[in-house]
């Protein structure tokens, strides 16, 4: 007997995975607490884990020169810049003391 088209996703959903359904404008979360329809013509996936934000640290000296700092550097960073892991857009810029 041939397994159902979405058999692996159904098993993952039964084990607690969050499921998304594809619409014309992109992926949408399936309503938590309700069972997906699992129609053969629809496309489903396990909801991907969000990408983490990217934070970069810099030290700016009194001449206005920026130095990217790493944990191994002796310079203490005084600026932290965070970018959204999903969109790549600037999320925050913080002056460190």
PDB file of N, CA and C in Angstrom:
ATOM      1  N   UNK A   1       0.838  -1.181   0.000  1.00  0.00           N
ATOM      2  CA  UNK A   1       0.000   0.000   0.000  1.00  0.00           C
ATOM      3  C   UNK A   1       0.891   1.255   0.000  1.00  0.00           C
ATOM      4  N   UNK A   2       0.543   2.208  -0.832  1.00  0.00           N
ATOM      5  CA  UNK A   2       1.295   3.448  -0.959  1.00  0.00           C
ATOM      6  C   UNK A   2       0.929   4.394   0.191  1.00  0.00           C
ATOM      7  N   UNK A   3       1.949   4.995   0.876  1.00  0.00           N
ATOM      8  CA  UNK A   3       1.637   5.920   1.975  1.00  0.00           C
ATOM      9  C   UNK A   3       0.979   7.197   1.451  1.00  0.00           C
ATOM     10  N   UNK A   4       0.257   7.868   2.311  1.00  0.00           N
ATOM     11  CA  UNK A   4      -0.381   9.133   1.956  1.00  0.00           C
ATOM     12  C   UNK A   4       0.665  10.148   1.532  1.00  0.00           C
ATOM     13  N   UNK A   5       0.273  11.094   0.720  1.00  0.00           N
ATOM     14  CA  UNK A   5       1.181  12.120   0.220  1.00  0.00           C
ATOM     15  C   UNK A   5       1.872  12.876   1.359  1.00  0.00           C
ATOM     16  N   UNK A   6       1.154  13.201   2.407  1.00  0.00           N
ATOM     17  CA  UNK A   6       1.685  14.009   3.498  1.00  0.00           C
ATOM     18  C   UNK A   6       2.005  13.175   4.743  1.00  0.00           C
ATOM     19  N   UNK A   7       2.256  11.888   4.570  1.00  0.00           N
ATOM     20  CA  UNK A   7       2.434  10.974   5.708  1.00  0.00           C
ATOM     21  C   UNK A   7       3.515  11.442   6.681  1.00  0.00           C
ATOM     22  N   UNK A   8       4.672  11.844   6.179  1.00  0.00           N
ATOM     23  CA  UNK A   8       5.758  12.258   7.069  1.00  0.00           C
ATOM     24  C   UNK A   8       5.385  13.524   7.847  1.00  0.00           C
ATOM     25  N   UNK A   9       4.700  14.459   7.198  1.00  0.00           N
ATOM     26  CA  UNK A   9       4.270  15.683   7.877  1.00  0.00           C
ATOM     27  C   UNK A   9       3.187  15.385   8.911  1.00  0.00           C
ATOM     28  N   UNK A  10       2.303  14.461   8.584  1.00  0.00           N
ATOM     29  CA  UNK A  10       1.252  14.073   9.534  1.00  0.00           C
ATOM     30  C   UNK A  10       1.886  13.484  10.789  1.00  0.00           C
ATOM     31  N   UNK A  11       2.898  12.647  10.611  1.00  0.00           N
ATOM     32  CA  UNK A  11       3.600  12.058  11.755  1.00  0.00           C
ATOM     33  C   UNK A  11       4.293  13.144  12.582  1.00  0.00           C
ATOM     34  N   UNK A  12       4.934  14.086  11.906  1.00  0.00           N
ATOM     35  CA  UNK A  12       5.622  15.172  12.616  1.00  0.00           C
ATOM     36  C   UNK A  12       4.611  16.032  13.376  1.00  0.00           C
ATOM     37  N   UNK A  13       3.463  16.326  12.759  1.00  0.00           N
ATOM     38  CA  UNK A  13       2.413  17.101  13.415  1.00  0.00           C
ATOM     39  C   UNK A  13       1.893  16.358  14.644  1.00  0.00           C
ATOM     40  N   UNK A  14       1.706  15.042  14.519  1.00  0.00           N
ATOM     41  CA  UNK A  14       1.230  14.242  15.650  1.00  0.00           C
ATOM     42  C   UNK A  14       2.236  14.254  16.802  1.00  0.00           C
ATOM     43  N   UNK A  15       3.514  14.447  16.474  1.00  0.00           N
ATOM     44  CA  UNK A  15       4.566  14.507  17.491  1.00  0.00           C
ATOM     45  C   UNK A  15       4.788  15.937  18.013  1.00  0.00           C
ATOM     46  N   UNK A  16       3.972  16.892  17.555  1.00  0.00           N
ATOM     47  CA  UNK A  16       4.036  18.248  18.096  1.00  0.00           C
ATOM     48  C   UNK A  16       4.625  19.313  17.196  1.00  0.00           C
ATOM     49  N   UNK A  17       5.006  18.975  15.971  1.00  0.00           N
ATOM     50  CA  UNK A  17       5.579  19.976  15.061  1.00  0.00           C
ATOM     51  C   UNK A  17       4.511  20.992  14.639  1.00  0.00           C
ATOM     52  N   UNK A  18       4.931  22.252  14.504  1.00  0.00           N
ATOM     53  CA  UNK A  18       4.027  23.282  13.991  1.00  0.00           C
ATOM     54  C   UNK A  18       3.998  23.180  12.467  1.00  0.00           C
ATOM     55  N   UNK A  19       2.805  23.234  11.896  1.00  0.00           N
ATOM     56  CA  UNK A  19       2.616  23.051  10.458  1.00  0.00           C
ATOM     57  C   UNK A  19       2.204  24.363   9.816  1.00  0.00           C
ATOM     58  N   UNK A  20       2.707  24.591   8.609  1.00  0.00           N
ATOM     59  CA  UNK A  20       2.303  25.738   7.799  1.00  0.00           C
ATOM     60  C   UNK A  20       1.693  25.236   6.502  1.00  0.00           C
ATOM     61  N   UNK A  21       0.794  26.037   5.942  1.00  0.00           N
ATOM     62  CA  UNK A  21       0.175  25.740   4.656  1.00  0.00           C
ATOM     63  C   UNK A  21       0.558  26.858   3.689  1.00  0.00           C
ATOM     64  N   UNK A  22       0.747  26.503   2.422  1.00  0.00           N
ATOM     65  CA  UNK A  22       1.164  27.497   1.427  1.00  0.00           C
ATOM     66  C   UNK A  22      -0.058  28.060   0.714  1.00  0.00           C
ATOM     67  N   UNK A  23      -0.134  29.390   0.720  1.00  0.00           N
ATOM     68  CA  UNK A  23      -1.147  30.120  -0.030  1.00  0.00           C
ATOM     69  C   UNK A  23      -0.433  30.857  -1.151  1.00  0.00           C
ATOM     70  N   UNK A  24      -1.175  31.539  -1.979  1.00  0.00           N
ATOM     71  CA  UNK A  24      -0.572  32.233  -3.124  1.00  0.00           C
ATOM     72  C   UNK A  24       0.405  33.320  -2.693  1.00  0.00           C
ATOM     73  N   UNK A  25       0.183  33.915  -1.517  1.00  0.00           N
ATOM     74  CA  UNK A  25       1.068  34.989  -1.052  1.00  0.00           C
ATOM     75  C   UNK A  25       2.115  34.518  -0.051  1.00  0.00           C
ATOM     76  N   UNK A  26       2.278  33.227   0.128  1.00  0.00           N
ATOM     77  CA  UNK A  26       3.329  32.711   0.998  1.00  0.00           C
ATOM     78  C   UNK A  26       2.821  31.696   2.007  1.00  0.00           C
ATOM     79  N   UNK A  27       3.684  31.373   2.977  1.00  0.00           N
ATOM     80  CA  UNK A  27       3.386  30.374   3.995  1.00  0.00           C
ATOM     81  C   UNK A  27       2.645  31.006   5.161  1.00  0.00           C
ATOM     82  N   UNK A  28       1.676  30.259   5.707  1.00  0.00           N
ATOM     83  CA  UNK A  28       0.881  30.731   6.829  1.00  0.00           C
ATOM     84  C   UNK A  28       0.812  29.634   7.888  1.00  0.00           C
ATOM     85  N   UNK A  29       0.894  30.028   9.162  1.00  0.00           N
ATOM     86  CA  UNK A  29       0.788  29.051  10.246  1.00  0.00           C
ATOM     87  C   UNK A  29      -0.607  28.430  10.254  1.00  0.00           C
ATOM     88  N   UNK A  30      -0.653  27.114  10.470  1.00  0.00           N
ATOM     89  CA  UNK A  30      -1.941  26.449  10.646  1.00  0.00           C
ATOM     90  C   UNK A  30      -2.431  26.769  12.045  1.00  0.00           C
ATOM     91  N   UNK A  31      -3.720  26.945  12.203  1.00  0.00           N
ATOM     92  CA  UNK A  31      -4.284  27.296  13.503  1.00  0.00           C
ATOM     93  C   UNK A  31      -3.932  26.243  14.545  1.00  0.00           C
ATOM     94  N   UNK A  32      -3.283  26.690  15.618  1.00  0.00           N
ATOM     95  CA  UNK A  32      -2.924  25.785  16.707  1.00  0.00           C
ATOM     96  C   UNK A  32      -4.209  25.312  17.371  1.00  0.00           C
ATOM     97  N   UNK A  33      -4.276  24.038  17.640  1.00  0.00           N
ATOM     98  CA  UNK A  33      -5.458  23.454  18.276  1.00  0.00           C
ATOM     99  C   UNK A  33      -6.423  22.836  17.284  1.00  0.00           C
ATOM    100  N   UNK A  34      -6.211  23.074  15.998  1.00  0.00           N
ATOM    101  CA  UNK A  34      -7.071  22.431  15.000  1.00  0.00           C
ATOM    102  C   UNK A  34      -6.213  21.547  14.096  1.00  0.00           C
ATOM    103  N   UNK A  35      -6.820  20.558  13.533  1.00  0.00           N
ATOM    104  CA  UNK A  35      -6.118  19.598  12.687  1.00  0.00           C
ATOM    105  C   UNK A  35      -6.057  20.096  11.246  1.00  0.00           C
ATOM    106  N   UNK A  36      -4.866  20.055  10.624  1.00  0.00           N
ATOM    107  CA  UNK A  36      -4.795  20.415   9.194  1.00  0.00           C
ATOM    108  C   UNK A  36      -5.682  19.494   8.361  1.00  0.00           C
ATOM    109  N   UNK A  37      -6.107  19.972   7.219  1.00  0.00           N
ATOM    110  CA  UNK A  37      -6.978  19.182   6.341  1.00  0.00           C
ATOM    111  C   UNK A  37      -6.239  18.068   5.619  1.00  0.00           C
ATOM    112  N   UNK A  38      -4.951  18.263   5.386  1.00  0.00           N
ATOM    113  CA  UNK A  38      -4.097  17.301   4.678  1.00  0.00           C
ATOM    114  C   UNK A  38      -4.654  16.947   3.301  1.00  0.00           C
ATOM    115  N   UNK A  39      -5.106  17.965   2.579  1.00  0.00           N
ATOM    116  CA  UNK A  39      -5.614  17.746   1.225  1.00  0.00           C
ATOM    117  C   UNK A  39      -4.440  17.514   0.277  1.00  0.00           C
ATOM    118  N   UNK A  40      -4.603  16.584  -0.647  1.00  0.00           N
ATOM    119  CA  UNK A  40      -3.511  16.245  -1.570  1.00  0.00           C
ATOM    120  C   UNK A  40      -3.098  17.418  -2.449  1.00  0.00           C
ATOM    121  N   UNK A  41      -4.031  18.323  -2.758  1.00  0.00           N
ATOM    122  CA  UNK A  41      -3.709  19.450  -3.633  1.00  0.00           C
ATOM    123  C   UNK A  41      -3.021  20.603  -2.891  1.00  0.00           C
ATOM    124  N   UNK A  42      -3.031  20.571  -1.559  1.00  0.00           N
ATOM    125  CA  UNK A  42      -2.398  21.628  -0.786  1.00  0.00           C
ATOM    126  C   UNK A  42      -0.951  21.272  -0.472  1.00  0.00           C
ATOM    127  N   UNK A  43      -0.155  22.309  -0.211  1.00  0.00           N
ATOM    128  CA  UNK A  43       1.253  22.109   0.142  1.00  0.00           C
ATOM    129  C   UNK A  43       1.446  22.509   1.596  1.00  0.00           C
ATOM    130  N   UNK A  44       2.090  21.630   2.372  1.00  0.00           N
ATOM    131  CA  UNK A  44       2.331  21.849   3.792  1.00  0.00           C
ATOM    132  C   UNK A  44       3.826  21.718   4.065  1.00  0.00           C
ATOM    133  N   UNK A  45       4.248  22.265   5.216  1.00  0.00           N
ATOM    134  CA  UNK A  45       5.629  22.087   5.657  1.00  0.00           C
ATOM    135  C   UNK A  45       5.684  22.260   7.168  1.00  0.00           C
ATOM    136  N   UNK A  46       6.774  21.773   7.762  1.00  0.00           N
ATOM    137  CA  UNK A  46       7.032  22.052   9.160  1.00  0.00           C
ATOM    138  C   UNK A  46       7.531  23.491   9.244  1.00  0.00           C
ATOM    139  N   UNK A  47       6.987  24.249  10.198  1.00  0.00           N
ATOM    140  CA  UNK A  47       7.381  25.649  10.346  1.00  0.00           C
ATOM    141  C   UNK A  47       8.875  25.726  10.648  1.00  0.00           C
ATOM    142  N   UNK A  48       9.639  26.452   9.826  1.00  0.00           N
ATOM    143  CA  UNK A  48      11.082  26.548  10.060  1.00  0.00           C
ATOM    144  C   UNK A  48      11.395  27.361  11.316  1.00  0.00           C
ATOM    145  N   UNK A  49      12.531  27.047  11.929  1.00  0.00           N
ATOM    146  CA  UNK A  49      13.004  27.806  13.082  1.00  0.00           C
ATOM    147  C   UNK A  49      13.423  29.195  12.605  1.00  0.00           C
ATOM    148  N   UNK A  50      13.095  30.241  13.373  1.00  0.00           N
ATOM    149  CA  UNK A  50      13.519  31.585  12.963  1.00  0.00           C
ATOM    150  C   UNK A  50      15.034  31.721  13.020  1.00  0.00           C
ATOM    151  N   UNK A  51      15.557  32.490  12.088  1.00  0.00           N
ATOM    152  CA  UNK A  51      16.999  32.746  12.072  1.00  0.00           C
ATOM    153  C   UNK A  51      17.333  33.734  13.191  1.00  0.00           C
ATOM    154  N   UNK A  52      18.428  33.501  13.898  1.00  0.00           N
ATOM    155  CA  UNK A  52      18.773  34.406  14.994  1.00  0.00           C
ATOM    156  C   UNK A  52      19.255  35.766  14.471  1.00  0.00           C
ATOM    157  N   UNK A  53      19.075  36.787  15.311  1.00  0.00           N
ATOM    158  CA  UNK A  53      19.586  38.114  14.974  1.00  0.00           C
ATOM    159  C   UNK A  53      21.109  38.073  14.889  1.00  0.00           C
ATOM    160  N   UNK A  54      21.677  38.988  14.110  1.00  0.00           N
ATOM    161  CA  UNK A  54      23.130  39.099  13.970  1.00  0.00           C
ATOM    162  C   UNK A  54      23.553  40.370  14.677  1.00  0.00           C
ATOM    163  N   UNK A  55      24.400  40.219  15.680  1.00  0.00           N
ATOM    164  CA  UNK A  55      24.881  41.370  16.447  1.00  0.00           C
ATOM    165  C   UNK A  55      26.379  41.529  16.188  1.00  0.00           C
ATOM    166  N   UNK A  56      26.788  42.744  15.846  1.00  0.00           N
ATOM    167  CA  UNK A  56      28.185  43.055  15.592  1.00  0.00           C
ATOM    168  C   UNK A  56      28.613  44.137  16.573  1.00  0.00           C
ATOM    169  N   UNK A  57      29.823  43.991  17.108  1.00  0.00           N
ATOM    170  CA  UNK A  57      30.340  44.932  18.103  1.00  0.00           C
ATOM    171  C   UNK A  57      31.479  45.753  17.500  1.00  0.00           C
ATOM    172  N   UNK A  58      31.496  47.034  17.865  1.00  0.00           N
ATOM    173  CA  UNK A  58      32.523  47.945  17.372  1.00  0.00           C
ATOM    174  C   UNK A  58      33.053  48.783  18.522  1.00  0.00           C
ATOM    175  N   UNK A  59      34.282  49.266  18.348  1.00  0.00           N
ATOM    176  CA  UNK A  59      34.864  50.280  19.222  1.00  0.00           C
ATOM    177  C   UNK A  59      35.152  51.485  18.347  1.00  0.00           C
ATOM    178  N   UNK A  60      34.726  52.632  18.816  1.00  0.00           N
ATOM    179  CA  UNK A  60      34.990  53.875  18.093  1.00  0.00           C
ATOM    180  C   UNK A  60      35.969  54.677  18.942  1.00  0.00           C
ATOM    181  N   UNK A  61      37.087  55.073  18.325  1.00  0.00           N
ATOM    182  CA  UNK A  61      38.063  55.850  19.089  1.00  0.00           C
ATOM    183  C   UNK A  61      37.746  57.343  19.007  1.00  0.00           C
ATOM    184  N   UNK A  62      38.542  58.147  19.673  1.00  0.00           N
ATOM    185  CA  UNK A  62      38.272  59.588  19.746  1.00  0.00           C
ATOM    186  C   UNK A  62      38.419  60.296  18.403  1.00  0.00           C
ATOM    187  N   UNK A  63      39.079  59.647  17.425  1.00  0.00           N
ATOM    188  CA  UNK A  63      39.210  60.222  16.085  1.00  0.00           C
ATOM    189  C   UNK A  63      38.030  59.817  15.191  1.00  0.00           C
ATOM    190  N   UNK A  64      37.100  59.049  15.745  1.00  0.00           N
ATOM    191  CA  UNK A  64      35.941  58.615  14.955  1.00  0.00           C
ATOM    192  C   UNK A  64      36.216  57.385  14.106  1.00  0.00           C
ATOM    193  N   UNK A  65      37.326  56.704  14.362  1.00  0.00           N
ATOM    194  CA  UNK A  65      37.663  55.497  13.609  1.00  0.00           C
ATOM    195  C   UNK A  65      36.934  54.310  14.231  1.00  0.00           C
ATOM    196  N   UNK A  66      36.257  53.543  13.373  1.00  0.00           N
ATOM    197  CA  UNK A  66      35.517  52.362  13.835  1.00  0.00           C
ATOM    198  C   UNK A  66      36.417  51.137  13.756  1.00  0.00           C
ATOM    199  N   UNK A  67      36.417  50.338  14.805  1.00  0.00           N
ATOM    200  CA  UNK A  67      37.154  49.084  14.838  1.00  0.00           C
ATOM    201  C   UNK A  67      36.160  47.978  15.166  1.00  0.00           C
ATOM    202  N   UNK A  68      36.073  47.003  14.314  1.00  0.00           N
ATOM    203  CA  UNK A  68      35.221  45.861  14.655  1.00  0.00           C
ATOM    204  C   UNK A  68      35.939  45.056  15.724  1.00  0.00           C
ATOM    205  N   UNK A  69      35.250  44.767  16.804  1.00  0.00           N
ATOM    206  CA  UNK A  69      35.895  44.082  17.913  1.00  0.00           C
ATOM    207  C   UNK A  69      35.379  42.654  18.032  1.00  0.00           C
ATOM    208  N   UNK A  70      36.242  41.798  18.467  1.00  0.00           N
ATOM    209  CA  UNK A  70      35.940  40.393  18.678  1.00  0.00           C
ATOM    210  C   UNK A  70      36.248  40.057  20.131  1.00  0.00           C
ATOM    211  N   UNK A  71      35.773  38.948  20.582  1.00  0.00           N
ATOM    212  CA  UNK A  71      35.985  38.565  21.979  1.00  0.00           C
ATOM    213  C   UNK A  71      37.469  38.420  22.313  1.00  0.00           C
ATOM    214  N   UNK A  72      38.299  38.144  21.321  1.00  0.00           N
ATOM    215  CA  UNK A  72      39.729  37.968  21.576  1.00  0.00           C
ATOM    216  C   UNK A  72      40.488  39.287  21.597  1.00  0.00           C
ATOM    217  N   UNK A  73      39.832  40.359  21.177  1.00  0.00           N
ATOM    218  CA  UNK A  73      40.505  41.665  21.150  1.00  0.00           C
ATOM    219  C   UNK A  73      40.647  42.237  22.556  1.00  0.00           C
ATOM    220  N   UNK A  74      41.655  43.086  22.732  1.00  0.00           N
ATOM    221  CA  UNK A  74      41.835  43.779  24.001  1.00  0.00           C
ATOM    222  C   UNK A  74      40.939  45.008  24.107  1.00  0.00           C
ATOM    223  N   UNK A  75      40.409  45.478  22.978  1.00  0.00           N
ATOM    224  CA  UNK A  75      39.542  46.655  22.991  1.00  0.00           C
ATOM    225  C   UNK A  75      38.153  46.269  23.481  1.00  0.00           C
ATOM    226  N   UNK A  76      37.610  47.094  24.343  1.00  0.00           N
ATOM    227  CA  UNK A  76      36.256  46.859  24.815  1.00  0.00           C
ATOM    228  C   UNK A  76      35.296  47.541  23.833  1.00  0.00           C
ATOM    229  N   UNK A  77      34.313  46.820  23.311  1.00  0.00           N
ATOM    230  CA  UNK A  77      33.387  47.449  22.369  1.00  0.00           C
ATOM    231  C   UNK A  77      32.545  48.516  23.052  1.00  0.00           C
ATOM    232  N   UNK A  78      32.219  49.579  22.291  1.00  0.00           N
ATOM    233  CA  UNK A  78      31.345  50.603  22.846  1.00  0.00           C
ATOM    234  C   UNK A  78      30.086  50.817  22.008  1.00  0.00           C
ATOM    235  N   UNK A  79      29.931  50.026  20.949  1.00  0.00           N
ATOM    236  CA  UNK A  79      28.737  50.068  20.103  1.00  0.00           C
ATOM    237  C   UNK A  79      28.328  48.628  19.777  1.00  0.00           C
ATOM    238  N   UNK A  80      27.023  48.348  19.850  1.00  0.00           N
ATOM    239  CA  UNK A  80      26.477  47.056  19.410  1.00  0.00           C
ATOM    240  C   UNK A  80      25.395  47.342  18.376  1.00  0.00           C
ATOM    241  N   UNK A  81      25.498  46.710  17.224  1.00  0.00           N
ATOM    242  CA  UNK A  81      24.528  46.901  16.149  1.00  0.00           C
ATOM    243  C   UNK A  81      23.883  45.548  15.865  1.00  0.00           C
ATOM    244  N   UNK A  82      22.542  45.502  15.908  1.00  0.00           N
ATOM    245  CA  UNK A  82      21.803  44.247  15.706  1.00  0.00           C
ATOM    246  C   UNK A  82      20.971  44.328  14.438  1.00  0.00           C
ATOM    247  N   UNK A  83      21.041  43.250  13.655  1.00  0.00           N
ATOM    248  CA  UNK A  83      20.244  43.116  12.445  1.00  0.00           C
ATOM    249  C   UNK A  83      19.291  41.944  12.598  1.00  0.00           C
ATOM    250  N   UNK A  84      18.075  42.095  12.102  1.00  0.00           N
ATOM    251  CA  UNK A  84      17.074  41.036  12.164  1.00  0.00           C
ATOM    252  C   UNK A  84      17.549  39.832  11.361  1.00  0.00           C
ATOM    253  N   UNK A  85      17.518  38.654  11.967  1.00  0.00           N
ATOM    254  CA  UNK A  85      18.004  37.445  11.314  1.00  0.00           C
ATOM    255  C   UNK A  85      17.162  37.022  10.123  1.00  0.00           C
ATOM    256  N   UNK A  86      15.897  37.388  10.103  1.00  0.00           N
ATOM    257  CA  UNK A  86      15.004  37.007   9.003  1.00  0.00           C
ATOM    258  C   UNK A  86      15.077  37.988   7.835  1.00  0.00           C
ATOM    259  N   UNK A  87      15.032  39.292   8.140  1.00  0.00           N
ATOM    260  CA  UNK A  87      14.937  40.302   7.079  1.00  0.00           C
ATOM    261  C   UNK A  87      16.276  40.958   6.747  1.00  0.00           C
ATOM    262  N   UNK A  88      17.245  40.890   7.674  1.00  0.00           N
ATOM    263  CA  UNK A  88      18.526  41.558   7.468  1.00  0.00           C
ATOM    264  C   UNK A  88      18.472  43.050   7.736  1.00  0.00           C
ATOM    265  N   UNK A  89      17.315  43.551   8.173  1.00  0.00           N
ATOM    266  CA  UNK A  89      17.170  44.983   8.435  1.00  0.00           C
ATOM    267  C   UNK A  89      17.720  45.344   9.806  1.00  0.00           C
ATOM    268  N   UNK A  90      18.186  46.592   9.912  1.00  0.00           N
ATOM    269  CA  UNK A  90      18.700  47.100  11.176  1.00  0.00           C
ATOM    270  C   UNK A  90      17.598  47.037  12.223  1.00  0.00           C
ATOM    271  N   UNK A  91      17.926  46.430  13.346  1.00  0.00           N
ATOM    272  CA  UNK A  91      16.950  46.272  14.426  1.00  0.00           C
ATOM    273  C   UNK A  91      17.238  47.227  15.576  1.00  0.00           C
ATOM    274  N   UNK A  92      18.523  47.379  15.901  1.00  0.00           N
ATOM    275  CA  UNK A  92      18.873  48.303  16.979  1.00  0.00           C
ATOM    276  C   UNK A  92      20.354  48.662  16.894  1.00  0.00           C
ATOM    277  N   UNK A  93      20.669  49.800  17.519  1.00  0.00           N
ATOM    278  CA  UNK A  93      22.055  50.238  17.688  1.00  0.00           C
ATOM    279  C   UNK A  93      22.139  50.755  19.114  1.00  0.00           C
ATOM    280  N   UNK A  94      23.108  50.229  19.855  1.00  0.00           N
ATOM    281  CA  UNK A  94      23.187  50.527  21.276  1.00  0.00           C
ATOM    282  C   UNK A  94      24.591  51.007  21.647  1.00  0.00           C
ATOM    283  N   UNK A  95      24.637  52.056  22.439  1.00  0.00           N
ATOM    284  CA  UNK A  95      25.897  52.527  22.992  1.00  0.00           C
ATOM    285  C   UNK A  95      26.147  51.730  24.267  1.00  0.00           C
ATOM    286  N   UNK A  96      27.314  51.086  24.328  1.00  0.00           N
ATOM    287  CA  UNK A  96      27.692  50.277  25.490  1.00  0.00           C
ATOM    288  C   UNK A  96      28.572  51.083  26.407  1.00  0.00           C
ATOM    289  N   UNK A  97      28.450  50.859  27.687  1.00  0.00           N
ATOM    290  CA  UNK A  97      29.284  51.580  28.645  1.00  0.00           C
ATOM    291  C   UNK A  97      30.229  50.616  29.321  1.00  0.00           C
TER     292      UNK A  97
END
